[in-house]
């Protein structure tokens, strides 16, 4: 039994077709990972991140009781 294509599909899904939303998301993900690496190498920034995380975690625990 063959799968039927949806009636509103003009172009089949193909990895060869450029899709701007996917490309932008990949770029954004790359920037996020790059920034994470920069932050993780900086001890002072990581200390601040951990302190901020602990504060938010305590607030969330209070809010979720």
N, C-alpha and C. Protein backbone atom coordinates (compact mmCIF):
# COMPACT_ATOMS: atom_id res chain seq x y z
N UNK A 1 0.84 -1.18 0.00
CA UNK A 1 0.00 0.00 0.00
C UNK A 1 0.89 1.25 0.00
N UNK A 2 0.70 2.12 -0.98
CA UNK A 2 1.48 3.36 -1.09
C UNK A 2 0.92 4.41 -0.16
N UNK A 3 1.86 5.22 0.40
CA UNK A 3 1.43 6.35 1.22
C UNK A 3 0.97 7.47 0.30
N UNK A 4 -0.13 8.09 0.65
CA UNK A 4 -0.65 9.20 -0.13
C UNK A 4 -0.05 10.51 0.36
N UNK A 5 0.33 11.37 -0.59
CA UNK A 5 0.84 12.70 -0.24
C UNK A 5 -0.32 13.59 0.16
N UNK A 6 -0.09 14.49 1.13
CA UNK A 6 -1.14 15.46 1.45
C UNK A 6 -1.42 16.33 0.23
N UNK A 7 -2.66 16.72 0.06
CA UNK A 7 -3.08 17.49 -1.11
C UNK A 7 -2.41 18.85 -1.21
N UNK A 8 -2.03 19.44 -0.07
CA UNK A 8 -1.46 20.80 -0.09
C UNK A 8 0.06 20.82 -0.23
N UNK A 9 0.69 19.69 -0.45
CA UNK A 9 2.14 19.64 -0.58
C UNK A 9 2.55 20.01 -2.01
N UNK A 10 3.28 21.10 -2.13
CA UNK A 10 3.76 21.52 -3.45
C UNK A 10 5.11 20.90 -3.76
N UNK A 11 5.94 20.77 -2.74
CA UNK A 11 7.28 20.23 -2.91
C UNK A 11 7.49 19.16 -1.85
N UNK A 12 7.95 17.99 -2.23
CA UNK A 12 8.16 16.94 -1.23
C UNK A 12 9.26 17.31 -0.25
N UNK A 13 9.19 16.76 0.96
CA UNK A 13 10.24 16.99 1.95
C UNK A 13 11.50 16.28 1.51
N UNK A 14 12.53 17.05 1.31
CA UNK A 14 13.79 16.49 0.86
C UNK A 14 14.93 17.20 1.57
N UNK A 15 15.93 16.45 2.03
CA UNK A 15 17.07 17.12 2.68
C UNK A 15 17.84 18.01 1.73
N UNK A 16 17.66 17.81 0.43
CA UNK A 16 18.39 18.61 -0.56
C UNK A 16 17.77 19.99 -0.73
N UNK A 17 16.54 20.17 -0.26
CA UNK A 17 15.85 21.45 -0.42
C UNK A 17 16.23 22.37 0.73
N UNK A 18 16.65 23.58 0.42
CA UNK A 18 17.03 24.57 1.42
C UNK A 18 15.80 25.02 2.18
N UNK A 19 15.89 25.01 3.47
CA UNK A 19 14.77 25.47 4.30
C UNK A 19 15.33 26.54 5.24
N UNK A 20 14.99 27.81 5.02
CA UNK A 20 15.60 28.90 5.81
C UNK A 20 15.41 28.76 7.31
N UNK A 21 14.25 28.31 7.76
CA UNK A 21 14.02 28.22 9.21
C UNK A 21 14.97 27.23 9.86
N UNK A 22 15.24 26.13 9.20
CA UNK A 22 16.17 25.14 9.75
C UNK A 22 17.58 25.71 9.77
N UNK A 23 17.95 26.41 8.70
CA UNK A 23 19.29 26.99 8.63
C UNK A 23 19.49 28.03 9.73
N UNK A 24 18.50 28.88 9.96
CA UNK A 24 18.61 29.90 11.01
C UNK A 24 18.71 29.24 12.38
N UNK A 25 17.93 28.19 12.59
CA UNK A 25 17.98 27.49 13.88
C UNK A 25 19.35 26.88 14.09
N UNK A 26 19.93 26.32 13.05
CA UNK A 26 21.27 25.74 13.17
C UNK A 26 22.29 26.81 13.51
N UNK A 27 22.19 27.96 12.88
CA UNK A 27 23.10 29.07 13.17
C UNK A 27 22.94 29.51 14.62
N UNK A 28 21.70 29.64 15.07
CA UNK A 28 21.44 30.08 16.43
C UNK A 28 21.95 29.05 17.44
N UNK A 29 21.74 27.77 17.16
CA UNK A 29 22.25 26.72 18.04
C UNK A 29 23.78 26.76 18.11
N UNK A 30 24.41 27.02 16.97
CA UNK A 30 25.87 27.11 16.95
C UNK A 30 26.36 28.26 17.81
N UNK A 31 25.68 29.42 17.70
CA UNK A 31 26.06 30.56 18.53
C UNK A 31 25.87 30.24 20.01
N UNK A 32 24.78 29.56 20.35
CA UNK A 32 24.51 29.21 21.75
C UNK A 32 25.60 28.30 22.30
N UNK A 33 25.99 27.31 21.53
CA UNK A 33 27.03 26.38 21.99
C UNK A 33 28.38 27.09 22.10
N UNK A 34 28.66 27.98 21.15
CA UNK A 34 29.91 28.74 21.20
C UNK A 34 29.95 29.60 22.46
N UNK A 35 28.86 30.30 22.75
CA UNK A 35 28.80 31.14 23.96
C UNK A 35 28.93 30.28 25.22
N UNK A 36 28.29 29.12 25.23
CA UNK A 36 28.37 28.24 26.40
C UNK A 36 29.82 27.84 26.65
N UNK A 37 30.53 27.52 25.58
CA UNK A 37 31.95 27.17 25.72
C UNK A 37 32.77 28.31 26.27
N UNK A 38 32.49 29.52 25.79
CA UNK A 38 33.21 30.70 26.29
C UNK A 38 32.95 30.90 27.78
N UNK A 39 31.70 30.76 28.18
CA UNK A 39 31.33 30.95 29.59
C UNK A 39 31.96 29.87 30.45
N UNK A 40 31.93 28.63 29.98
CA UNK A 40 32.47 27.51 30.77
C UNK A 40 33.98 27.63 30.99
N UNK A 41 34.68 28.27 30.06
CA UNK A 41 36.14 28.46 30.23
C UNK A 41 36.49 29.59 31.19
N UNK A 42 35.53 30.46 31.48
CA UNK A 42 35.76 31.61 32.34
C UNK A 42 35.26 31.28 33.76
N UNK A 43 36.19 31.06 34.69
CA UNK A 43 35.84 30.63 36.05
C UNK A 43 34.91 31.61 36.75
N UNK A 44 35.18 32.88 36.60
CA UNK A 44 34.37 33.90 37.28
C UNK A 44 32.94 33.90 36.74
N UNK A 45 32.80 33.81 35.43
CA UNK A 45 31.46 33.78 34.85
C UNK A 45 30.72 32.52 35.27
N UNK A 46 31.40 31.38 35.30
CA UNK A 46 30.75 30.13 35.72
C UNK A 46 30.32 30.20 37.17
N UNK A 47 31.11 30.84 38.00
CA UNK A 47 30.74 31.01 39.40
C UNK A 47 29.44 31.80 39.49
N UNK A 48 29.35 32.87 38.71
CA UNK A 48 28.13 33.67 38.68
C UNK A 48 26.94 32.88 38.16
N UNK A 49 27.15 32.06 37.15
CA UNK A 49 26.07 31.24 36.60
C UNK A 49 25.56 30.28 37.67
N UNK A 50 26.48 29.64 38.38
CA UNK A 50 26.09 28.66 39.41
C UNK A 50 25.33 29.34 40.55
N UNK A 51 25.80 30.52 40.97
CA UNK A 51 25.10 31.26 42.02
C UNK A 51 23.69 31.63 41.58
N UNK A 52 23.59 32.10 40.36
CA UNK A 52 22.28 32.49 39.82
C UNK A 52 21.36 31.27 39.73
N UNK A 53 21.90 30.16 39.29
CA UNK A 53 21.11 28.93 39.18
C UNK A 53 20.59 28.48 40.54
N UNK A 54 21.46 28.51 41.56
CA UNK A 54 21.04 28.11 42.91
C UNK A 54 19.91 29.00 43.41
N UNK A 55 20.02 30.32 43.15
CA UNK A 55 18.98 31.25 43.58
C UNK A 55 17.66 30.94 42.90
N UNK A 56 17.69 30.73 41.60
CA UNK A 56 16.47 30.42 40.87
C UNK A 56 15.89 29.08 41.31
N UNK A 57 16.76 28.13 41.57
CA UNK A 57 16.30 26.81 41.99
C UNK A 57 15.56 26.89 43.33
N UNK A 58 16.11 27.68 44.27
CA UNK A 58 15.45 27.86 45.57
C UNK A 58 14.09 28.53 45.39
N UNK A 59 14.04 29.55 44.53
CA UNK A 59 12.77 30.25 44.28
C UNK A 59 11.75 29.30 43.67
N UNK A 60 12.17 28.46 42.74
CA UNK A 60 11.25 27.52 42.11
C UNK A 60 10.75 26.46 43.10
N UNK A 61 11.64 26.02 43.99
CA UNK A 61 11.23 25.04 45.00
C UNK A 61 10.17 25.63 45.93
N UNK A 62 10.34 26.90 46.29
CA UNK A 62 9.34 27.59 47.13
C UNK A 62 8.01 27.72 46.39
N UNK A 63 8.09 28.08 45.12
CA UNK A 63 6.88 28.32 44.32
C UNK A 63 6.12 27.02 44.03
N UNK A 64 6.83 25.91 43.97
CA UNK A 64 6.20 24.65 43.59
C UNK A 64 5.73 23.82 44.79
N UNK A 65 5.82 24.36 46.00
CA UNK A 65 5.36 23.61 47.18
C UNK A 65 3.88 23.67 47.31
